[in-house]
Amino acid sequence: MTATSRAPYRRGDYVVDEATRREMPPEPPWVGRVQLVSAGSPPRYVLVTPTGYEWRPGPGDVRPATAEERAEYDAALERRYRGLRELGRRLTGSCRG
């Protein structure tokens, strides 16, 4: 059964866009979280990476992310947030005279 033949993914679900996998140079497929679901047959999705990049995968190219892929996504998002918090602290600190 494919993703397009069962109930659509919902906002917040972790999915993988297999069309982004590359052999040369080797690159794993992108993992994204569903931001928007467009009704229709097949359903269309807008996904977002941990860095905030959004894209629309092909309807037949998405599959559920594995537990390992979800953990990697969450870790990358936490690293991004940590970096932004640190930048905010530095900027706030630089304004104090």
PDB file of N, CA and C in Angstrom:
ATOM      1  N   MET A   1       0.856  -1.172   0.000  1.00  0.00           N
ATOM      2  CA  MET A   1       0.000   0.000   0.000  1.00  0.00           C
ATOM      3  C   MET A   1       0.905   1.238   0.000  1.00  0.00           C
ATOM      4  N   THR A   2       0.622   2.211  -0.823  1.00  0.00           N
ATOM      5  CA  THR A   2       1.431   3.431  -0.890  1.00  0.00           C
ATOM      6  C   THR A   2       0.775   4.548  -0.098  1.00  0.00           C
ATOM      7  N   ALA A   3       1.542   5.634   0.092  1.00  0.00           N
ATOM      8  CA  ALA A   3       1.029   6.778   0.856  1.00  0.00           C
ATOM      9  C   ALA A   3      -0.186   7.389   0.174  1.00  0.00           C
ATOM     10  N   THR A   4      -0.260   7.293  -1.151  1.00  0.00           N
ATOM     11  CA  THR A   4      -1.364   7.919  -1.857  1.00  0.00           C
ATOM     12  C   THR A   4      -2.632   7.078  -1.825  1.00  0.00           C
ATOM     13  N   SER A   5      -2.535   5.780  -1.423  1.00  0.00           N
ATOM     14  CA  SER A   5      -3.726   4.939  -1.433  1.00  0.00           C
ATOM     15  C   SER A   5      -4.342   4.801  -0.043  1.00  0.00           C
ATOM     16  N   ARG A   6      -3.762   5.393   0.959  1.00  0.00           N
ATOM     17  CA  ARG A   6      -4.341   5.355   2.309  1.00  0.00           C
ATOM     18  C   ARG A   6      -4.658   6.779   2.750  1.00  0.00           C
ATOM     19  N   ALA A   7      -5.132   6.902   3.965  1.00  0.00           N
ATOM     20  CA  ALA A   7      -5.459   8.234   4.484  1.00  0.00           C
ATOM     21  C   ALA A   7      -4.246   9.141   4.346  1.00  0.00           C
ATOM     22  N   PRO A   8      -4.453  10.389   3.986  1.00  0.00           N
ATOM     23  CA  PRO A   8      -3.322  11.305   3.788  1.00  0.00           C
ATOM     24  C   PRO A   8      -2.582  11.574   5.085  1.00  0.00           C
ATOM     25  N   TYR A   9      -1.346  11.997   4.937  1.00  0.00           N
ATOM     26  CA  TYR A   9      -0.588  12.446   6.105  1.00  0.00           C
ATOM     27  C   TYR A   9      -1.254  13.698   6.641  1.00  0.00           C
ATOM     28  N   ARG A  10      -1.028  13.961   7.907  1.00  0.00           N
ATOM     29  CA  ARG A  10      -1.599  15.143   8.541  1.00  0.00           C
ATOM     30  C   ARG A  10      -0.501  16.123   8.913  1.00  0.00           C
ATOM     31  N   ARG A  11      -0.895  17.351   9.166  1.00  0.00           N
ATOM     32  CA  ARG A  11       0.040  18.394   9.585  1.00  0.00           C
ATOM     33  C   ARG A  11       0.842  17.895  10.783  1.00  0.00           C
ATOM     34  N   GLY A  12       2.155  18.067  10.711  1.00  0.00           N
ATOM     35  CA  GLY A  12       3.034  17.641  11.787  1.00  0.00           C
ATOM     36  C   GLY A  12       3.650  16.271  11.587  1.00  0.00           C
ATOM     37  N   ASP A  13       3.106  15.472  10.675  1.00  0.00           N
ATOM     38  CA  ASP A  13       3.682  14.157  10.416  1.00  0.00           C
ATOM     39  C   ASP A  13       5.069  14.293   9.795  1.00  0.00           C
ATOM     40  N   TYR A  14       5.951  13.385  10.131  1.00  0.00           N
ATOM     41  CA  TYR A  14       7.285  13.329   9.539  1.00  0.00           C
ATOM     42  C   TYR A  14       7.215  12.440   8.305  1.00  0.00           C
ATOM     43  N   VAL A  15       7.652  12.949   7.180  1.00  0.00           N
ATOM     44  CA  VAL A  15       7.680  12.152   5.956  1.00  0.00           C
ATOM     45  C   VAL A  15       9.018  12.343   5.249  1.00  0.00           C
ATOM     46  N   VAL A  16       9.309  11.422   4.349  1.00  0.00           N
ATOM     47  CA  VAL A  16      10.547  11.448   3.579  1.00  0.00           C
ATOM     48  C   VAL A  16      10.186  11.596   2.109  1.00  0.00           C
ATOM     49  N   ASP A  17      10.882  12.483   1.415  1.00  0.00           N
ATOM     50  CA  ASP A  17      10.694  12.681  -0.018  1.00  0.00           C
ATOM     51  C   ASP A  17      11.778  11.887  -0.752  1.00  0.00           C
ATOM     52  N   GLU A  18      11.433  10.714  -1.215  1.00  0.00           N
ATOM     53  CA  GLU A  18      12.398   9.828  -1.868  1.00  0.00           C
ATOM     54  C   GLU A  18      12.969  10.422  -3.155  1.00  0.00           C
ATOM     55  N   ALA A  19      12.275  11.368  -3.771  1.00  0.00           N
ATOM     56  CA  ALA A  19      12.767  11.984  -5.007  1.00  0.00           C
ATOM     57  C   ALA A  19      14.018  12.827  -4.762  1.00  0.00           C
ATOM     58  N   THR A  20      14.305  13.165  -3.506  1.00  0.00           N
ATOM     59  CA  THR A  20      15.481  13.984  -3.202  1.00  0.00           C
ATOM     60  C   THR A  20      16.728  13.143  -2.943  1.00  0.00           C
ATOM     61  N   ARG A  21      16.596  11.826  -2.920  1.00  0.00           N
ATOM     62  CA  ARG A  21      17.750  10.940  -2.711  1.00  0.00           C
ATOM     63  C   ARG A  21      18.673  11.047  -3.929  1.00  0.00           C
ATOM     64  N   ARG A  22      19.981  11.108  -3.670  1.00  0.00           N
ATOM     65  CA  ARG A  22      20.968  11.198  -4.748  1.00  0.00           C
ATOM     66  C   ARG A  22      22.024  10.123  -4.578  1.00  0.00           C
ATOM     67  N   GLU A  23      22.428   9.544  -5.700  1.00  0.00           N
ATOM     68  CA  GLU A  23      23.489   8.544  -5.695  1.00  0.00           C
ATOM     69  C   GLU A  23      24.864   9.192  -5.834  1.00  0.00           C
ATOM     70  N   MET A  24      24.954  10.228  -6.672  1.00  0.00           N
ATOM     71  CA  MET A  24      26.237  10.899  -6.919  1.00  0.00           C
ATOM     72  C   MET A  24      26.058  12.392  -6.829  1.00  0.00           C
ATOM     73  N   PRO A  25      26.636  13.095  -5.905  1.00  0.00           N
ATOM     74  CA  PRO A  25      27.255  12.519  -4.705  1.00  0.00           C
ATOM     75  C   PRO A  25      26.181  11.934  -3.804  1.00  0.00           C
ATOM     76  N   PRO A  26      26.551  10.969  -2.992  1.00  0.00           N
ATOM     77  CA  PRO A  26      25.547  10.310  -2.145  1.00  0.00           C
ATOM     78  C   PRO A  26      24.876  11.309  -1.193  1.00  0.00           C
ATOM     79  N   GLU A  27      23.573  11.308  -1.187  1.00  0.00           N
ATOM     80  CA  GLU A  27      22.803  12.151  -0.275  1.00  0.00           C
ATOM     81  C   GLU A  27      21.522  11.422   0.074  1.00  0.00           C
ATOM     82  N   PRO A  28      21.235  11.301   1.377  1.00  0.00           N
ATOM     83  CA  PRO A  28      19.987  10.631   1.756  1.00  0.00           C
ATOM     84  C   PRO A  28      18.792  11.499   1.363  1.00  0.00           C
ATOM     85  N   PRO A  29      17.624  10.906   1.298  1.00  0.00           N
ATOM     86  CA  PRO A  29      16.436  11.710   0.979  1.00  0.00           C
ATOM     87  C   PRO A  29      16.144  12.694   2.105  1.00  0.00           C
ATOM     88  N   TRP A  30      15.482  13.781   1.743  1.00  0.00           N
ATOM     89  CA  TRP A  30      15.131  14.802   2.720  1.00  0.00           C
ATOM     90  C   TRP A  30      13.985  14.333   3.594  1.00  0.00           C
ATOM     91  N   VAL A  31      14.075  14.667   4.860  1.00  0.00           N
ATOM     92  CA  VAL A  31      12.989  14.430   5.808  1.00  0.00           C
ATOM     93  C   VAL A  31      12.318  15.767   6.050  1.00  0.00           C
ATOM     94  N   GLY A  32      11.009  15.776   6.024  1.00  0.00           N
ATOM     95  CA  GLY A  32      10.267  16.999   6.272  1.00  0.00           C
ATOM     96  C   GLY A  32       9.074  16.733   7.159  1.00  0.00           C
ATOM     97  N   ARG A  33       8.555  17.808   7.710  1.00  0.00           N
ATOM     98  CA  ARG A  33       7.305  17.711   8.459  1.00  0.00           C
ATOM     99  C   ARG A  33       6.216  18.351   7.626  1.00  0.00           C
ATOM    100  N   VAL A  34       5.070  17.719   7.629  1.00  0.00           N
ATOM    101  CA  VAL A  34       3.940  18.211   6.843  1.00  0.00           C
ATOM    102  C   VAL A  34       3.463  19.525   7.444  1.00  0.00           C
ATOM    103  N   GLN A  35       3.434  20.576   6.610  1.00  0.00           N
ATOM    104  CA  GLN A  35       2.942  21.883   7.028  1.00  0.00           C
ATOM    105  C   GLN A  35       1.532  22.136   6.507  1.00  0.00           C
ATOM    106  N   LEU A  36       1.255  21.593   5.324  1.00  0.00           N
ATOM    107  CA  LEU A  36      -0.029  21.851   4.668  1.00  0.00           C
ATOM    108  C   LEU A  36      -0.400  20.640   3.845  1.00  0.00           C
ATOM    109  N   VAL A  37      -1.662  20.283   3.876  1.00  0.00           N
ATOM    110  CA  VAL A  37      -2.190  19.193   3.062  1.00  0.00           C
ATOM    111  C   VAL A  37      -3.265  19.770   2.170  1.00  0.00           C
ATOM    112  N   SER A  38      -3.116  19.589   0.869  1.00  0.00           N
ATOM    113  CA  SER A  38      -4.142  20.011  -0.084  1.00  0.00           C
ATOM    114  C   SER A  38      -5.002  18.812  -0.427  1.00  0.00           C
ATOM    115  N   ALA A  39      -6.297  18.962  -0.258  1.00  0.00           N
ATOM    116  CA  ALA A  39      -7.216  17.867  -0.556  1.00  0.00           C
ATOM    117  C   ALA A  39      -7.204  17.572  -2.043  1.00  0.00           C
ATOM    118  N   GLY A  40      -7.547  16.408  -2.381  1.00  0.00           N
ATOM    119  CA  GLY A  40      -7.615  16.003  -3.772  1.00  0.00           C
ATOM    120  C   GLY A  40      -7.128  14.578  -3.894  1.00  0.00           C
ATOM    121  N   SER A  41      -7.092  14.123  -5.105  1.00  0.00           N
ATOM    122  CA  SER A  41      -6.625  12.768  -5.356  1.00  0.00           C
ATOM    123  C   SER A  41      -5.546  12.812  -6.425  1.00  0.00           C
ATOM    124  N   PRO A  42      -4.321  12.550  -6.086  1.00  0.00           N
ATOM    125  CA  PRO A  42      -3.811  12.259  -4.751  1.00  0.00           C
ATOM    126  C   PRO A  42      -3.618  13.536  -3.953  1.00  0.00           C
ATOM    127  N   PRO A  43      -3.550  13.417  -2.616  1.00  0.00           N
ATOM    128  CA  PRO A  43      -3.318  14.611  -1.806  1.00  0.00           C
ATOM    129  C   PRO A  43      -1.928  15.180  -2.074  1.00  0.00           C
ATOM    130  N   ARG A  44      -1.776  16.495  -1.934  1.00  0.00           N
ATOM    131  CA  ARG A  44      -0.484  17.169  -2.113  1.00  0.00           C
ATOM    132  C   ARG A  44      -0.048  17.732  -0.775  1.00  0.00           C
ATOM    133  N   TYR A  45       1.259  17.804  -0.577  1.00  0.00           N
ATOM    134  CA  TYR A  45       1.799  18.240   0.707  1.00  0.00           C
ATOM    135  C   TYR A  45       2.794  19.375   0.531  1.00  0.00           C
ATOM    136  N   VAL A  46       2.898  20.213   1.555  1.00  0.00           N
ATOM    137  CA  VAL A  46       3.985  21.170   1.688  1.00  0.00           C
ATOM    138  C   VAL A  46       4.764  20.701   2.908  1.00  0.00           C
ATOM    139  N   LEU A  47       6.061  20.453   2.714  1.00  0.00           N
ATOM    140  CA  LEU A  47       6.927  19.972   3.780  1.00  0.00           C
ATOM    141  C   LEU A  47       7.920  21.056   4.163  1.00  0.00           C
ATOM    142  N   VAL A  48       8.481  20.941   5.368  1.00  0.00           N
ATOM    143  CA  VAL A  48       9.493  21.888   5.824  1.00  0.00           C
ATOM    144  C   VAL A  48      10.649  21.108   6.453  1.00  0.00           C
ATOM    145  N   THR A  49      11.886  21.549   6.141  1.00  0.00           N
ATOM    146  CA  THR A  49      13.088  20.950   6.724  1.00  0.00           C
ATOM    147  C   THR A  49      13.343  21.564   8.099  1.00  0.00           C
ATOM    148  N   PRO A  50      14.287  21.011   8.863  1.00  0.00           N
ATOM    149  CA  PRO A  50      14.613  21.612  10.161  1.00  0.00           C
ATOM    150  C   PRO A  50      15.149  23.040  10.032  1.00  0.00           C
ATOM    151  N   THR A  51      15.679  23.400   8.862  1.00  0.00           N
ATOM    152  CA  THR A  51      16.205  24.760   8.667  1.00  0.00           C
ATOM    153  C   THR A  51      15.147  25.724   8.167  1.00  0.00           C
ATOM    154  N   GLY A  52      13.928  25.235   7.947  1.00  0.00           N
ATOM    155  CA  GLY A  52      12.835  26.108   7.534  1.00  0.00           C
ATOM    156  C   GLY A  52      12.567  26.153   6.045  1.00  0.00           C
ATOM    157  N   TYR A  53      13.307  25.376   5.249  1.00  0.00           N
ATOM    158  CA  TYR A  53      13.073  25.342   3.812  1.00  0.00           C
ATOM    159  C   TYR A  53      11.795  24.551   3.540  1.00  0.00           C
ATOM    160  N   GLU A  54      10.895  25.124   2.745  1.00  0.00           N
ATOM    161  CA  GLU A  54       9.639  24.453   2.394  1.00  0.00           C
ATOM    162  C   GLU A  54       9.672  23.997   0.950  1.00  0.00           C
ATOM    163  N   TRP A  55       9.067  22.861   0.670  1.00  0.00           N
ATOM    164  CA  TRP A  55       8.955  22.377  -0.705  1.00  0.00           C
ATOM    165  C   TRP A  55       7.740  21.478  -0.838  1.00  0.00           C
ATOM    166  N   ARG A  56       7.377  21.251  -2.083  1.00  0.00           N
ATOM    167  CA  ARG A  56       6.225  20.401  -2.411  1.00  0.00           C
ATOM    168  C   ARG A  56       6.742  19.140  -3.093  1.00  0.00           C
ATOM    169  N   PRO A  57       6.673  18.010  -2.411  1.00  0.00           N
ATOM    170  CA  PRO A  57       7.128  16.765  -3.033  1.00  0.00           C
ATOM    171  C   PRO A  57       6.094  16.247  -4.030  1.00  0.00           C
ATOM    172  N   GLY A  58       6.539  15.385  -4.910  1.00  0.00           N
ATOM    173  CA  GLY A  58       5.601  14.714  -5.809  1.00  0.00           C
ATOM    174  C   GLY A  58       4.683  13.823  -4.993  1.00  0.00           C
ATOM    175  N   PRO A  59       3.443  13.665  -5.410  1.00  0.00           N
ATOM    176  CA  PRO A  59       2.481  12.911  -4.601  1.00  0.00           C
ATOM    177  C   PRO A  59       2.872  11.462  -4.346  1.00  0.00           C
ATOM    178  N   GLY A  60       3.607  10.840  -5.255  1.00  0.00           N
ATOM    179  CA  GLY A  60       3.988   9.443  -5.054  1.00  0.00           C
ATOM    180  C   GLY A  60       5.361   9.265  -4.453  1.00  0.00           C
ATOM    181  N   ASP A  61       6.026  10.344  -4.087  1.00  0.00           N
ATOM    182  CA  ASP A  61       7.410  10.268  -3.616  1.00  0.00           C
ATOM    183  C   ASP A  61       7.554  10.246  -2.101  1.00  0.00           C
ATOM    184  N   VAL A  62       6.467  10.425  -1.356  1.00  0.00           N
ATOM    185  CA  VAL A  62       6.575  10.507   0.098  1.00  0.00           C
ATOM    186  C   VAL A  62       6.285   9.168   0.754  1.00  0.00           C
ATOM    187  N   ARG A  63       6.989   8.961   1.852  1.00  0.00           N
ATOM    188  CA  ARG A  63       6.765   7.779   2.696  1.00  0.00           C
ATOM    189  C   ARG A  63       6.920   8.224   4.144  1.00  0.00           C
ATOM    190  N   PRO A  64       6.403   7.456   5.091  1.00  0.00           N
ATOM    191  CA  PRO A  64       6.576   7.819   6.501  1.00  0.00           C
ATOM    192  C   PRO A  64       8.052   7.764   6.880  1.00  0.00           C
ATOM    193  N   ALA A  65       8.493   8.680   7.721  1.00  0.00           N
ATOM    194  CA  ALA A  65       9.867   8.671   8.216  1.00  0.00           C
ATOM    195  C   ALA A  65      10.015   7.581   9.277  1.00  0.00           C
ATOM    196  N   THR A  66      11.197   6.993   9.326  1.00  0.00           N
ATOM    197  CA  THR A  66      11.476   5.997  10.358  1.00  0.00           C
ATOM    198  C   THR A  66      11.732   6.707  11.684  1.00  0.00           C
ATOM    199  N   ALA A  67      11.776   5.951  12.753  1.00  0.00           N
ATOM    200  CA  ALA A  67      12.068   6.530  14.070  1.00  0.00           C
ATOM    201  C   ALA A  67      13.436   7.205  14.056  1.00  0.00           C
ATOM    202  N   GLU A  68      14.406   6.609  13.396  1.00  0.00           N
ATOM    203  CA  GLU A  68      15.747   7.199  13.312  1.00  0.00           C
ATOM    204  C   GLU A  68      15.719   8.514  12.533  1.00  0.00           C
ATOM    205  N   GLU A  69      14.979   8.548  11.433  1.00  0.00           N
ATOM    206  CA  GLU A  69      14.874   9.783  10.643  1.00  0.00           C
ATOM    207  C   GLU A  69      14.170  10.887  11.430  1.00  0.00           C
ATOM    208  N   ARG A  70      13.140  10.527  12.186  1.00  0.00           N
ATOM    209  CA  ARG A  70      12.455  11.517  13.029  1.00  0.00           C
ATOM    210  C   ARG A  70      13.395  12.063  14.098  1.00  0.00           C
ATOM    211  N   ALA A  71      14.180  11.180  14.712  1.00  0.00           N
ATOM    212  CA  ALA A  71      15.125  11.609  15.746  1.00  0.00           C
ATOM    213  C   ALA A  71      16.186  12.541  15.162  1.00  0.00           C
ATOM    214  N   GLU A  72      16.683  12.239  13.974  1.00  0.00           N
ATOM    215  CA  GLU A  72      17.671  13.101  13.324  1.00  0.00           C
ATOM    216  C   GLU A  72      17.073  14.470  13.006  1.00  0.00           C
ATOM    217  N   TYR A  73      15.837  14.495  12.538  1.00  0.00           N
ATOM    218  CA  TYR A  73      15.148  15.757  12.249  1.00  0.00           C
ATOM    219  C   TYR A  73      15.035  16.592  13.521  1.00  0.00           C
ATOM    220  N   ASP A  74      14.555  15.965  14.599  1.00  0.00           N
ATOM    221  CA  ASP A  74      14.376  16.693  15.864  1.00  0.00           C
ATOM    222  C   ASP A  74      15.711  17.212  16.400  1.00  0.00           C
ATOM    223  N   ALA A  75      16.784  16.409  16.267  1.00  0.00           N
ATOM    224  CA  ALA A  75      18.105  16.842  16.736  1.00  0.00           C
ATOM    225  C   ALA A  75      18.595  18.033  15.911  1.00  0.00           C
ATOM    226  N   ALA A  76      18.397  17.996  14.592  1.00  0.00           N
ATOM    227  CA  ALA A  76      18.803  19.115  13.739  1.00  0.00           C
ATOM    228  C   ALA A  76      18.004  20.370  14.082  1.00  0.00           C
ATOM    229  N   LEU A  77      16.727  20.222  14.357  1.00  0.00           N
ATOM    230  CA  LEU A  77      15.894  21.367  14.727  1.00  0.00           C
ATOM    231  C   LEU A  77      16.354  21.955  16.067  1.00  0.00           C
ATOM    232  N   GLU A  78      16.677  21.089  17.020  1.00  0.00           N
ATOM    233  CA  GLU A  78      17.154  21.573  18.319  1.00  0.00           C
ATOM    234  C   GLU A  78      18.485  22.297  18.163  1.00  0.00           C
ATOM    235  N   ARG A  79      19.401  21.796  17.313  1.00  0.00           N
ATOM    236  CA  ARG A  79      20.666  22.499  17.072  1.00  0.00           C
ATOM    237  C   ARG A  79      20.408  23.875  16.482  1.00  0.00           C
ATOM    238  N   ARG A  80      19.445  23.968  15.568  1.00  0.00           N
ATOM    239  CA  ARG A  80      19.105  25.260  14.969  1.00  0.00           C
ATOM    240  C   ARG A  80      18.566  26.218  16.029  1.00  0.00           C
ATOM    241  N   TYR A  81      17.625  25.746  16.848  1.00  0.00           N
ATOM    242  CA  TYR A  81      17.065  26.589  17.897  1.00  0.00           C
ATOM    243  C   TYR A  81      18.136  27.021  18.897  1.00  0.00           C
ATOM    244  N   ARG A  82      19.039  26.099  19.249  1.00  0.00           N
ATOM    245  CA  ARG A  82      20.108  26.430  20.183  1.00  0.00           C
ATOM    246  C   ARG A  82      20.979  27.540  19.601  1.00  0.00           C
ATOM    247  N   GLY A  83      21.316  27.436  18.315  1.00  0.00           N
ATOM    248  CA  GLY A  83      22.108  28.468  17.657  1.00  0.00           C
ATOM    249  C   GLY A  83      21.392  29.810  17.624  1.00  0.00           C
ATOM    250  N   LEU A  84      20.096  29.789  17.369  1.00  0.00           N
ATOM    251  CA  LEU A  84      19.326  31.034  17.355  1.00  0.00           C
ATOM    252  C   LEU A  84      19.232  31.652  18.746  1.00  0.00           C
ATOM    253  N   ARG A  85      19.057  30.815  19.777  1.00  0.00           N
ATOM    254  CA  ARG A  85      19.021  31.330  21.151  1.00  0.00           C
ATOM    255  C   ARG A  85      20.351  31.964  21.518  1.00  0.00           C
ATOM    256  N   GLU A  86      21.451  31.301  21.145  1.00  0.00           N
ATOM    257  CA  GLU A  86      22.776  31.849  21.436  1.00  0.00           C
ATOM    258  C   GLU A  86      22.987  33.169  20.707  1.00  0.00           C
ATOM    259  N   LEU A  87      22.580  33.242  19.457  1.00  0.00           N
ATOM    260  CA  LEU A  87      22.688  34.486  18.704  1.00  0.00           C
ATOM    261  C   LEU A  87      21.878  35.586  19.383  1.00  0.00           C
ATOM    262  N   GLY A  88      20.680  35.271  19.838  1.00  0.00           N
ATOM    263  CA  GLY A  88      19.846  36.240  20.534  1.00  0.00           C
ATOM    264  C   GLY A  88      20.512  36.744  21.802  1.00  0.00           C
ATOM    265  N   ARG A  89      21.137  35.831  22.555  1.00  0.00           N
ATOM    266  CA  ARG A  89      21.844  36.246  23.771  1.00  0.00           C
ATOM    267  C   ARG A  89      23.013  37.163  23.438  1.00  0.00           C
ATOM    268  N   ARG A  90      23.735  36.837  22.379  1.00  0.00           N
ATOM    269  CA  ARG A  90      24.872  37.672  21.983  1.00  0.00           C
ATOM    270  C   ARG A  90      24.417  39.059  21.544  1.00  0.00           C
ATOM    271  N   LEU A  91      23.360  39.096  20.760  1.00  0.00           N
ATOM    272  CA  LEU A  91      22.856  40.385  20.280  1.00  0.00           C
ATOM    273  C   LEU A  91      22.318  41.221  21.430  1.00  0.00           C
ATOM    274  N   THR A  92      21.599  40.595  22.327  1.00  0.00           N
ATOM    275  CA  THR A  92      21.074  41.309  23.493  1.00  0.00           C
ATOM    276  C   THR A  92      22.221  41.814  24.347  1.00  0.00           C
ATOM    277  N   GLY A  93      23.243  40.996  24.541  1.00  0.00           N
ATOM    278  CA  GLY A  93      24.405  41.378  25.344  1.00  0.00           C
ATOM    279  C   GLY A  93      25.192  42.499  24.704  1.00  0.00           C
ATOM    280  N   SER A  94      25.232  42.553  23.373  1.00  0.00           N
ATOM    281  CA  SER A  94      26.020  43.588  22.711  1.00  0.00           C
ATOM    282  C   SER A  94      25.350  44.957  22.785  1.00  0.00           C
ATOM    283  N   CYS A  95      24.049  44.981  23.112  1.00  0.00           N
ATOM    284  CA  CYS A  95      23.318  46.250  23.196  1.00  0.00           C
ATOM    285  C   CYS A  95      23.482  46.898  24.573  1.00  0.00           C
ATOM    286  N   ARG A  96      23.958  46.137  25.510  1.00  0.00           N
ATOM    287  CA  ARG A  96      24.155  46.685  26.865  1.00  0.00           C
ATOM    288  C   ARG A  96      25.485  47.430  26.895  1.00  0.00           C
ATOM    289  N   GLY A  97      25.445  48.635  27.287  1.00  0.00           N
ATOM    290  CA  GLY A  97      26.638  49.465  27.259  1.00  0.00           C
ATOM    291  C   GLY A  97      27.361  49.416  28.515  1.00  0.00           C
TER     292      GLY A  97
END
